[in-house]
Amino acid sequence: MKINLVFNPALESLFKAPSQLITFDANLLISPTRFGKSINFEKYKTNWLDPIFDLFPNISIHEAVYEELVDINSKKYIDSKSSLRIHKDSSLTP
């Protein structure tokens, strides 16, 4: 993937209208592992998840993404977010 470091219309759109619906993948919600060591979930939540959920109030995930959250901390965090929308296949197809 090439990223235009001078102008990124998608990123600009997010900052101009942070209340738009944003659909996340599971990899953004699970504390990463680097070199065989996991990042402490509380630090990940404080430094990554909380700021994102504070800035962007309309975050959504697909039901399959929710099922990918096998880490209990990630699942509890997502369950605590009453503003989070979970898309179901039945609501996305006619």
PDB file of N, CA and C in Angstrom:
ATOM      1  N   MET A   1       0.847  -1.172   0.000  1.00  0.00           N
ATOM      2  CA  MET A   1       0.000   0.000   0.000  1.00  0.00           C
ATOM      3  C   MET A   1       0.888   1.229   0.000  1.00  0.00           C
ATOM      4  N   LYS A   2       0.567   2.177  -0.846  1.00  0.00           N
ATOM      5  CA  LYS A   2       1.283   3.445  -0.881  1.00  0.00           C
ATOM      6  C   LYS A   2       0.466   4.499  -0.152  1.00  0.00           C
ATOM      7  N   ILE A   3       1.152   5.261   0.656  1.00  0.00           N
ATOM      8  CA  ILE A   3       0.501   6.340   1.392  1.00  0.00           C
ATOM      9  C   ILE A   3       1.073   7.664   0.916  1.00  0.00           C
ATOM     10  N   ASN A   4       0.204   8.565   0.541  1.00  0.00           N
ATOM     11  CA  ASN A   4       0.611   9.896   0.126  1.00  0.00           C
ATOM     12  C   ASN A   4       0.834  10.720   1.395  1.00  0.00           C
ATOM     13  N   LEU A   5       2.088  10.963   1.726  1.00  0.00           N
ATOM     14  CA  LEU A   5       2.408  11.691   2.948  1.00  0.00           C
ATOM     15  C   LEU A   5       2.090  13.179   2.856  1.00  0.00           C
ATOM     16  N   VAL A   6       1.856  13.660   1.668  1.00  0.00           N
ATOM     17  CA  VAL A   6       1.529  15.063   1.490  1.00  0.00           C
ATOM     18  C   VAL A   6       0.038  15.288   1.697  1.00  0.00           C
ATOM     19  N   PHE A   7      -0.793  14.417   1.127  1.00  0.00           N
ATOM     20  CA  PHE A   7      -2.237  14.588   1.237  1.00  0.00           C
ATOM     21  C   PHE A   7      -2.913  13.224   1.272  1.00  0.00           C
ATOM     22  N   ASN A   8      -3.680  12.978   2.302  1.00  0.00           N
ATOM     23  CA  ASN A   8      -4.417  11.733   2.426  1.00  0.00           C
ATOM     24  C   ASN A   8      -5.887  12.107   2.619  1.00  0.00           C
ATOM     25  N   PRO A   9      -6.717  12.009   1.568  1.00  0.00           N
ATOM     26  CA  PRO A   9      -8.104  12.459   1.666  1.00  0.00           C
ATOM     27  C   PRO A   9      -8.926  11.688   2.699  1.00  0.00           C
ATOM     28  N   ALA A  10      -8.642  10.412   2.886  1.00  0.00           N
ATOM     29  CA  ALA A  10      -9.394   9.641   3.877  1.00  0.00           C
ATOM     30  C   ALA A  10      -9.094  10.129   5.293  1.00  0.00           C
ATOM     31  N   LEU A  11      -7.826  10.350   5.568  1.00  0.00           N
ATOM     32  CA  LEU A  11      -7.435  10.854   6.883  1.00  0.00           C
ATOM     33  C   LEU A  11      -7.975  12.258   7.114  1.00  0.00           C
ATOM     34  N   GLU A  12      -7.890  13.084   6.089  1.00  0.00           N
ATOM     35  CA  GLU A  12      -8.429  14.434   6.199  1.00  0.00           C
ATOM     36  C   GLU A  12      -9.933  14.397   6.486  1.00  0.00           C
ATOM     37  N   SER A  13     -10.630  13.490   5.834  1.00  0.00           N
ATOM     38  CA  SER A  13     -12.062  13.347   6.042  1.00  0.00           C
ATOM     39  C   SER A  13     -12.388  12.977   7.493  1.00  0.00           C
ATOM     40  N   LEU A  14     -11.584  12.094   8.065  1.00  0.00           N
ATOM     41  CA  LEU A  14     -11.804  11.693   9.466  1.00  0.00           C
ATOM     42  C   LEU A  14     -11.650  12.872  10.416  1.00  0.00           C
ATOM     43  N   PHE A  15     -10.640  13.681  10.181  1.00  0.00           N
ATOM     44  CA  PHE A  15     -10.408  14.809  11.077  1.00  0.00           C
ATOM     45  C   PHE A  15     -11.390  15.958  10.861  1.00  0.00           C
ATOM     46  N   LYS A  16     -11.880  16.094   9.651  1.00  0.00           N
ATOM     47  CA  LYS A  16     -12.883  17.129   9.387  1.00  0.00           C
ATOM     48  C   LYS A  16     -14.248  16.750   9.940  1.00  0.00           C
ATOM     49  N   ALA A  17     -14.553  15.469   9.946  1.00  0.00           N
ATOM     50  CA  ALA A  17     -15.864  14.995  10.403  1.00  0.00           C
ATOM     51  C   ALA A  17     -15.690  13.754  11.282  1.00  0.00           C
ATOM     52  N   PRO A  18     -15.182  13.938  12.511  1.00  0.00           N
ATOM     53  CA  PRO A  18     -14.907  12.787  13.373  1.00  0.00           C
ATOM     54  C   PRO A  18     -16.157  12.026  13.819  1.00  0.00           C
ATOM     55  N   SER A  19     -17.332  12.591  13.574  1.00  0.00           N
ATOM     56  CA  SER A  19     -18.548  11.886  14.002  1.00  0.00           C
ATOM     57  C   SER A  19     -19.075  10.914  12.947  1.00  0.00           C
ATOM     58  N   GLN A  20     -18.397  10.822  11.790  1.00  0.00           N
ATOM     59  CA  GLN A  20     -18.845   9.864  10.781  1.00  0.00           C
ATOM     60  C   GLN A  20     -18.629   8.431  11.272  1.00  0.00           C
ATOM     61  N   LEU A  21     -19.350   7.500  10.699  1.00  0.00           N
ATOM     62  CA  LEU A  21     -19.257   6.092  11.071  1.00  0.00           C
ATOM     63  C   LEU A  21     -17.933   5.517  10.574  1.00  0.00           C
ATOM     64  N   ILE A  22     -17.196   4.896  11.499  1.00  0.00           N
ATOM     65  CA  ILE A  22     -15.904   4.284  11.177  1.00  0.00           C
ATOM     66  C   ILE A  22     -15.982   2.822  11.584  1.00  0.00           C
ATOM     67  N   THR A  23     -15.677   1.936  10.656  1.00  0.00           N
ATOM     68  CA  THR A  23     -15.712   0.506  10.953  1.00  0.00           C
ATOM     69  C   THR A  23     -14.292   0.003  11.177  1.00  0.00           C
ATOM     70  N   PHE A  24     -14.091  -0.618  12.337  1.00  0.00           N
ATOM     71  CA  PHE A  24     -12.764  -1.108  12.728  1.00  0.00           C
ATOM     72  C   PHE A  24     -12.641  -2.604  12.489  1.00  0.00           C
ATOM     73  N   ASP A  25     -11.399  -3.020  12.318  1.00  0.00           N
ATOM     74  CA  ASP A  25     -11.063  -4.429  12.258  1.00  0.00           C
ATOM     75  C   ASP A  25     -10.536  -4.840  13.638  1.00  0.00           C
ATOM     76  N   ALA A  26     -10.520  -6.136  13.895  1.00  0.00           N
ATOM     77  CA  ALA A  26     -10.099  -6.631  15.210  1.00  0.00           C
ATOM     78  C   ALA A  26      -8.662  -6.257  15.555  1.00  0.00           C
ATOM     79  N   ASN A  27      -7.795  -6.179  14.551  1.00  0.00           N
ATOM     80  CA  ASN A  27      -6.389  -5.906  14.855  1.00  0.00           C
ATOM     81  C   ASN A  27      -6.178  -4.542  15.501  1.00  0.00           C
ATOM     82  N   LEU A  28      -7.119  -3.626  15.372  1.00  0.00           N
ATOM     83  CA  LEU A  28      -7.007  -2.328  16.040  1.00  0.00           C
ATOM     84  C   LEU A  28      -7.489  -2.373  17.486  1.00  0.00           C
ATOM     85  N   LEU A  29      -8.166  -3.445  17.850  1.00  0.00           N
ATOM     86  CA  LEU A  29      -8.762  -3.534  19.175  1.00  0.00           C
ATOM     87  C   LEU A  29      -8.026  -4.483  20.117  1.00  0.00           C
ATOM     88  N   ILE A  30      -7.119  -5.262  19.570  1.00  0.00           N
ATOM     89  CA  ILE A  30      -6.385  -6.249  20.365  1.00  0.00           C
ATOM     90  C   ILE A  30      -4.984  -5.724  20.638  1.00  0.00           C
ATOM     91  N   SER A  31      -4.582  -5.785  21.883  1.00  0.00           N
ATOM     92  CA  SER A  31      -3.251  -5.347  22.272  1.00  0.00           C
ATOM     93  C   SER A  31      -2.204  -6.149  21.498  1.00  0.00           C
ATOM     94  N   PRO A  32      -1.299  -5.468  20.800  1.00  0.00           N
ATOM     95  CA  PRO A  32      -0.345  -6.177  19.944  1.00  0.00           C
ATOM     96  C   PRO A  32       0.741  -6.926  20.714  1.00  0.00           C
ATOM     97  N   THR A  33       1.328  -7.884  20.029  1.00  0.00           N
ATOM     98  CA  THR A  33       2.461  -8.631  20.554  1.00  0.00           C
ATOM     99  C   THR A  33       3.658  -8.323  19.663  1.00  0.00           C
ATOM    100  N   ARG A  34       4.750  -7.960  20.276  1.00  0.00           N
ATOM    101  CA  ARG A  34       5.975  -7.670  19.543  1.00  0.00           C
ATOM    102  C   ARG A  34       7.121  -8.461  20.169  1.00  0.00           C
ATOM    103  N   PHE A  35       7.856  -9.152  19.339  1.00  0.00           N
ATOM    104  CA  PHE A  35       9.009  -9.916  19.787  1.00  0.00           C
ATOM    105  C   PHE A  35       8.651 -10.887  20.907  1.00  0.00           C
ATOM    106  N   GLY A  36       7.463 -11.494  20.786  1.00  0.00           N
ATOM    107  CA  GLY A  36       7.035 -12.489  21.758  1.00  0.00           C
ATOM    108  C   GLY A  36       6.504 -11.920  23.062  1.00  0.00           C
ATOM    109  N   LYS A  37       6.387 -10.610  23.165  1.00  0.00           N
ATOM    110  CA  LYS A  37       5.898  -9.980  24.396  1.00  0.00           C
ATOM    111  C   LYS A  37       4.661  -9.155  24.087  1.00  0.00           C
ATOM    112  N   SER A  38       3.641  -9.330  24.892  1.00  0.00           N
ATOM    113  CA  SER A  38       2.419  -8.556  24.713  1.00  0.00           C
ATOM    114  C   SER A  38       2.540  -7.204  25.397  1.00  0.00           C
ATOM    115  N   ILE A  39       1.932  -6.217  24.782  1.00  0.00           N
ATOM    116  CA  ILE A  39       1.857  -4.901  25.409  1.00  0.00           C
ATOM    117  C   ILE A  39       0.758  -4.974  26.469  1.00  0.00           C
ATOM    118  N   ASN A  40       1.025  -4.463  27.631  1.00  0.00           N
ATOM    119  CA  ASN A  40       0.059  -4.460  28.726  1.00  0.00           C
ATOM    120  C   ASN A  40      -1.246  -3.827  28.253  1.00  0.00           C
ATOM    121  N   PHE A  41      -2.367  -4.531  28.477  1.00  0.00           N
ATOM    122  CA  PHE A  41      -3.640  -4.048  27.965  1.00  0.00           C
ATOM    123  C   PHE A  41      -4.033  -2.698  28.559  1.00  0.00           C
ATOM    124  N   GLU A  42      -3.778  -2.478  29.831  1.00  0.00           N
ATOM    125  CA  GLU A  42      -4.145  -1.199  30.449  1.00  0.00           C
ATOM    126  C   GLU A  42      -3.406  -0.037  29.778  1.00  0.00           C
ATOM    127  N   LYS A  43      -2.135  -0.237  29.451  1.00  0.00           N
ATOM    128  CA  LYS A  43      -1.383   0.802  28.740  1.00  0.00           C
ATOM    129  C   LYS A  43      -1.928   0.981  27.329  1.00  0.00           C
ATOM    130  N   TYR A  44      -2.247  -0.127  26.670  1.00  0.00           N
ATOM    131  CA  TYR A  44      -2.798  -0.065  25.317  1.00  0.00           C
ATOM    132  C   TYR A  44      -4.135   0.672  25.336  1.00  0.00           C
ATOM    133  N   LYS A  45      -4.947   0.369  26.315  1.00  0.00           N
ATOM    134  CA  LYS A  45      -6.259   1.018  26.450  1.00  0.00           C
ATOM    135  C   LYS A  45      -6.085   2.521  26.693  1.00  0.00           C
ATOM    136  N   THR A  46      -5.218   2.876  27.606  1.00  0.00           N
ATOM    137  CA  THR A  46      -5.007   4.278  27.965  1.00  0.00           C
ATOM    138  C   THR A  46      -4.391   5.088  26.825  1.00  0.00           C
ATOM    139  N   ASN A  47      -3.430   4.498  26.132  1.00  0.00           N
ATOM    140  CA  ASN A  47      -2.685   5.231  25.112  1.00  0.00           C
ATOM    141  C   ASN A  47      -3.241   5.096  23.700  1.00  0.00           C
ATOM    142  N   TRP A  48      -4.104   4.125  23.450  1.00  0.00           N
ATOM    143  CA  TRP A  48      -4.591   3.899  22.091  1.00  0.00           C
ATOM    144  C   TRP A  48      -6.112   3.884  22.028  1.00  0.00           C
ATOM    145  N   LEU A  49      -6.733   2.956  22.745  1.00  0.00           N
ATOM    146  CA  LEU A  49      -8.180   2.774  22.607  1.00  0.00           C
ATOM    147  C   LEU A  49      -8.994   3.945  23.148  1.00  0.00           C
ATOM    148  N   ASP A  50      -8.726   4.362  24.371  1.00  0.00           N
ATOM    149  CA  ASP A  50      -9.510   5.463  24.956  1.00  0.00           C
ATOM    150  C   ASP A  50      -9.450   6.730  24.107  1.00  0.00           C
ATOM    151  N   PRO A  51      -8.256   7.169  23.660  1.00  0.00           N
ATOM    152  CA  PRO A  51      -8.219   8.374  22.810  1.00  0.00           C
ATOM    153  C   PRO A  51      -9.003   8.216  21.509  1.00  0.00           C
ATOM    154  N   ILE A  52      -8.947   7.048  20.910  1.00  0.00           N
ATOM    155  CA  ILE A  52      -9.688   6.832  19.657  1.00  0.00           C
ATOM    156  C   ILE A  52     -11.191   6.879  19.903  1.00  0.00           C
ATOM    157  N   PHE A  53     -11.648   6.193  20.935  1.00  0.00           N
ATOM    158  CA  PHE A  53     -13.085   6.197  21.226  1.00  0.00           C
ATOM    159  C   PHE A  53     -13.560   7.572  21.688  1.00  0.00           C
ATOM    160  N   ASP A  54     -12.685   8.347  22.317  1.00  0.00           N
ATOM    161  CA  ASP A  54     -13.050   9.712  22.716  1.00  0.00           C
ATOM    162  C   ASP A  54     -13.169  10.633  21.504  1.00  0.00           C
ATOM    163  N   LEU A  55     -12.257  10.492  20.563  1.00  0.00           N
ATOM    164  CA  LEU A  55     -12.236  11.377  19.392  1.00  0.00           C
ATOM    165  C   LEU A  55     -13.292  11.004  18.353  1.00  0.00           C
ATOM    166  N   PHE A  56     -13.495   9.704  18.165  1.00  0.00           N
ATOM    167  CA  PHE A  56     -14.429   9.219  17.144  1.00  0.00           C
ATOM    168  C   PHE A  56     -15.606   8.514  17.817  1.00  0.00           C
ATOM    169  N   PRO A  57     -16.738   9.176  17.971  1.00  0.00           N
ATOM    170  CA  PRO A  57     -17.860   8.634  18.740  1.00  0.00           C
ATOM    171  C   PRO A  57     -18.678   7.551  18.022  1.00  0.00           C
ATOM    172  N   ASN A  58     -18.522   7.398  16.711  1.00  0.00           N
ATOM    173  CA  ASN A  58     -19.339   6.438  15.963  1.00  0.00           C
ATOM    174  C   ASN A  58     -18.499   5.317  15.368  1.00  0.00           C
ATOM    175  N   ILE A  59     -17.881   4.556  16.254  1.00  0.00           N
ATOM    176  CA  ILE A  59     -17.076   3.417  15.811  1.00  0.00           C
ATOM    177  C   ILE A  59     -17.977   2.190  15.754  1.00  0.00           C
ATOM    178  N   SER A  60     -17.726   1.371  14.729  1.00  0.00           N
ATOM    179  CA  SER A  60     -18.495   0.146  14.583  1.00  0.00           C
ATOM    180  C   SER A  60     -17.553  -1.009  14.255  1.00  0.00           C
ATOM    181  N   ILE A  61     -18.059  -2.217  14.461  1.00  0.00           N
ATOM    182  CA  ILE A  61     -17.343  -3.427  14.063  1.00  0.00           C
ATOM    183  C   ILE A  61     -18.369  -4.398  13.498  1.00  0.00           C
ATOM    184  N   HIS A  62     -17.917  -5.346  12.743  1.00  0.00           N
ATOM    185  CA  HIS A  62     -18.783  -6.397  12.224  1.00  0.00           C
ATOM    186  C   HIS A  62     -18.865  -7.491  13.280  1.00  0.00           C
ATOM    187  N   GLU A  63     -19.951  -8.233  13.295  1.00  0.00           N
ATOM    188  CA  GLU A  63     -20.131  -9.289  14.290  1.00  0.00           C
ATOM    189  C   GLU A  63     -18.997 -10.318  14.230  1.00  0.00           C
ATOM    190  N   ALA A  64     -18.446 -10.573  13.050  1.00  0.00           N
ATOM    191  CA  ALA A  64     -17.323 -11.513  12.926  1.00  0.00           C
ATOM    192  C   ALA A  64     -16.077 -10.970  13.623  1.00  0.00           C
ATOM    193  N   VAL A  65     -15.893  -9.651  13.579  1.00  0.00           N
ATOM    194  CA  VAL A  65     -14.774  -9.024  14.281  1.00  0.00           C
ATOM    195  C   VAL A  65     -14.955  -9.205  15.780  1.00  0.00           C
ATOM    196  N   TYR A  66     -16.171  -9.038  16.262  1.00  0.00           N
ATOM    197  CA  TYR A  66     -16.437  -9.229  17.689  1.00  0.00           C
ATOM    198  C   TYR A  66     -16.053 -10.649  18.111  1.00  0.00           C
ATOM    199  N   GLU A  67     -16.362 -11.608  17.273  1.00  0.00           N
ATOM    200  CA  GLU A  67     -16.029 -13.006  17.585  1.00  0.00           C
ATOM    201  C   GLU A  67     -14.517 -13.250  17.572  1.00  0.00           C
ATOM    202  N   GLU A  68     -13.775 -12.432  16.839  1.00  0.00           N
ATOM    203  CA  GLU A  68     -12.314 -12.555  16.806  1.00  0.00           C
ATOM    204  C   GLU A  68     -11.664 -12.071  18.094  1.00  0.00           C
ATOM    205  N   LEU A  69     -12.394 -11.358  18.912  1.00  0.00           N
ATOM    206  CA  LEU A  69     -11.835 -10.816  20.149  1.00  0.00           C
ATOM    207  C   LEU A  69     -11.761 -11.920  21.205  1.00  0.00           C
ATOM    208  N   VAL A  70     -10.743 -12.743  21.099  1.00  0.00           N
ATOM    209  CA  VAL A  70     -10.586 -13.853  22.040  1.00  0.00           C
ATOM    210  C   VAL A  70      -9.916 -13.409  23.331  1.00  0.00           C
ATOM    211  N   ASP A  71      -9.230 -12.274  23.281  1.00  0.00           N
ATOM    212  CA  ASP A  71      -8.611 -11.718  24.477  1.00  0.00           C
ATOM    213  C   ASP A  71      -9.716 -11.158  25.375  1.00  0.00           C
ATOM    214  N   ILE A  72      -9.813 -11.640  26.582  1.00  0.00           N
ATOM    215  CA  ILE A  72     -10.902 -11.255  27.490  1.00  0.00           C
ATOM    216  C   ILE A  72     -10.887  -9.756  27.785  1.00  0.00           C
ATOM    217  N   ASN A  73      -9.708  -9.153  27.867  1.00  0.00           N
ATOM    218  CA  ASN A  73      -9.631  -7.711  28.137  1.00  0.00           C
ATOM    219  C   ASN A  73     -10.219  -6.906  26.990  1.00  0.00           C
ATOM    220  N   SER A  74      -9.898  -7.288  25.763  1.00  0.00           N
ATOM    221  CA  SER A  74     -10.445  -6.586  24.602  1.00  0.00           C
ATOM    222  C   SER A  74     -11.952  -6.725  24.540  1.00  0.00           C
ATOM    223  N   LYS A  75     -12.438  -7.931  24.794  1.00  0.00           N
ATOM    224  CA  LYS A  75     -13.879  -8.168  24.726  1.00  0.00           C
ATOM    225  C   LYS A  75     -14.615  -7.375  25.817  1.00  0.00           C
ATOM    226  N   LYS A  76     -14.077  -7.362  27.022  1.00  0.00           N
ATOM    227  CA  LYS A  76     -14.692  -6.586  28.103  1.00  0.00           C
ATOM    228  C   LYS A  76     -14.715  -5.096  27.760  1.00  0.00           C
ATOM    229  N   TYR A  77     -13.626  -4.620  27.183  1.00  0.00           N
ATOM    230  CA  TYR A  77     -13.553  -3.209  26.815  1.00  0.00           C
ATOM    231  C   TYR A  77     -14.624  -2.881  25.785  1.00  0.00           C
ATOM    232  N   ILE A  78     -14.732  -3.690  24.760  1.00  0.00           N
ATOM    233  CA  ILE A  78     -15.730  -3.464  23.713  1.00  0.00           C
ATOM    234  C   ILE A  78     -17.142  -3.568  24.293  1.00  0.00           C
ATOM    235  N   ASP A  79     -17.363  -4.519  25.172  1.00  0.00           N
ATOM    236  CA  ASP A  79     -18.686  -4.661  25.805  1.00  0.00           C
ATOM    237  C   ASP A  79     -19.060  -3.430  26.626  1.00  0.00           C
ATOM    238  N   SER A  80     -18.052  -2.717  27.123  1.00  0.00           N
ATOM    239  CA  SER A  80     -18.321  -1.536  27.952  1.00  0.00           C
ATOM    240  C   SER A  80     -18.665  -0.297  27.120  1.00  0.00           C
ATOM    241  N   LYS A  81     -18.463  -0.367  25.825  1.00  0.00           N
ATOM    242  CA  LYS A  81     -18.698   0.786  24.944  1.00  0.00           C
ATOM    243  C   LYS A  81     -20.133   0.765  24.424  1.00  0.00           C
ATOM    244  N   SER A  82     -21.006   1.485  25.092  1.00  0.00           N
ATOM    245  CA  SER A  82     -22.424   1.487  24.704  1.00  0.00           C
ATOM    246  C   SER A  82     -22.652   2.170  23.359  1.00  0.00           C
ATOM    247  N   SER A  83     -21.726   3.038  22.947  1.00  0.00           N
ATOM    248  CA  SER A  83     -21.898   3.746  21.674  1.00  0.00           C
ATOM    249  C   SER A  83     -21.457   2.895  20.476  1.00  0.00           C
ATOM    250  N   LEU A  84     -20.751   1.813  20.712  1.00  0.00           N
ATOM    251  CA  LEU A  84     -20.240   0.978  19.631  1.00  0.00           C
ATOM    252  C   LEU A  84     -21.382   0.257  18.917  1.00  0.00           C
ATOM    253  N   ARG A  85     -21.350   0.294  17.591  1.00  0.00           N
ATOM    254  CA  ARG A  85     -22.331  -0.431  16.790  1.00  0.00           C
ATOM    255  C   ARG A  85     -21.708  -1.732  16.309  1.00  0.00           C
ATOM    256  N   ILE A  86     -22.490  -2.801  16.367  1.00  0.00           N
ATOM    257  CA  ILE A  86     -22.034  -4.079  15.831  1.00  0.00           C
ATOM    258  C   ILE A  86     -22.906  -4.400  14.627  1.00  0.00           C
ATOM    259  N   HIS A  87     -22.258  -4.445  13.453  1.00  0.00           N
ATOM    260  CA  HIS A  87     -22.993  -4.762  12.216  1.00  0.00           C
ATOM    261  C   HIS A  87     -23.223  -6.267  12.143  1.00  0.00           C
ATOM    262  N   LYS A  88     -24.427  -6.634  11.845  1.00  0.00           N
ATOM    263  CA  LYS A  88     -24.777  -8.039  11.624  1.00  0.00           C
ATOM    264  C   LYS A  88     -24.998  -8.246  10.138  1.00  0.00           C
ATOM    265  N   ASP A  89     -24.663  -9.428   9.647  1.00  0.00           N
ATOM    266  CA  ASP A  89     -24.868  -9.710   8.233  1.00  0.00           C
ATOM    267  C   ASP A  89     -26.312  -9.466   7.828  1.00  0.00           C
ATOM    268  N   SER A  90     -27.238  -9.813   8.700  1.00  0.00           N
ATOM    269  CA  SER A  90     -28.654  -9.670   8.364  1.00  0.00           C
ATOM    270  C   SER A  90     -29.061  -8.216   8.153  1.00  0.00           C
ATOM    271  N   SER A  91     -28.348  -7.279   8.775  1.00  0.00           N
ATOM    272  CA  SER A  91     -28.690  -5.867   8.601  1.00  0.00           C
ATOM    273  C   SER A  91     -27.928  -5.231   7.441  1.00  0.00           C
ATOM    274  N   LEU A  92     -26.959  -5.947   6.875  1.00  0.00           N
ATOM    275  CA  LEU A  92     -26.159  -5.380   5.791  1.00  0.00           C
ATOM    276  C   LEU A  92     -26.591  -5.865   4.402  1.00  0.00           C
ATOM    277  N   THR A  93     -27.419  -6.900   4.378  1.00  0.00           N
ATOM    278  CA  THR A  93     -27.860  -7.438   3.090  1.00  0.00           C
ATOM    279  C   THR A  93     -29.373  -7.325   2.976  1.00  0.00           C
ATOM    280  N   PRO A  94     -29.863  -7.162   1.742  1.00  0.00           N
ATOM    281  CA  PRO A  94     -31.321  -7.010   1.552  1.00  0.00           C
ATOM    282  C   PRO A  94     -32.062  -8.312   1.775  1.00  0.00           C
TER     283      PRO A  94
END
